Amino acid sequence: MLRNQLWARVTTCFQLLRKEHYGSKNVENDGLKELYTDELKDLYHAENQLVKALPKMAKAATSEALRQGFEEHLEQTKEHVQRLERIFAALDESPKGKKCVGMEGLLKGSRKVRRLWKRTSRMLCLTPH
């Protein structure tokens, strides 16, 4: 859901930037480009965080279907990163410089859930039946 919201913001910025580019050239155009690249940097950081986190999630998956879903998602996410890198190259901009705090929060929550699940499953194994 967060990814969809980020892509929606980037698409909106791109549409505004394109409209300004083909319209009158003024100071607003620079502001829109800055907004667009800022949103792209946010998205780039989020996608790269997922590239690092998804293998851990796949490893911790409790079912084959879940593991496979994480692995497929990882491949799609890698494609998104490559696409963003091409966009940054076309804009002659660096993708570095911004952190996606929203994705950091989501991944922090997933790490807590994994630790809790690991602890709980260990306790269940130690409990006599």
Foldseek 3Di string as FASTA:
>chain_A
DVLVVLVVQLVVLVVVLVVQVPPDDDPVNVVSVVSNLQSLLQNLQLLVVLLVQLVVQLVLDPDPVRNVVSVVVNVVSVVVNVVSVVVCVVVVHDSDDDYNVVSVVVSVVVVVVSVVVVVVVVVVVVDDD
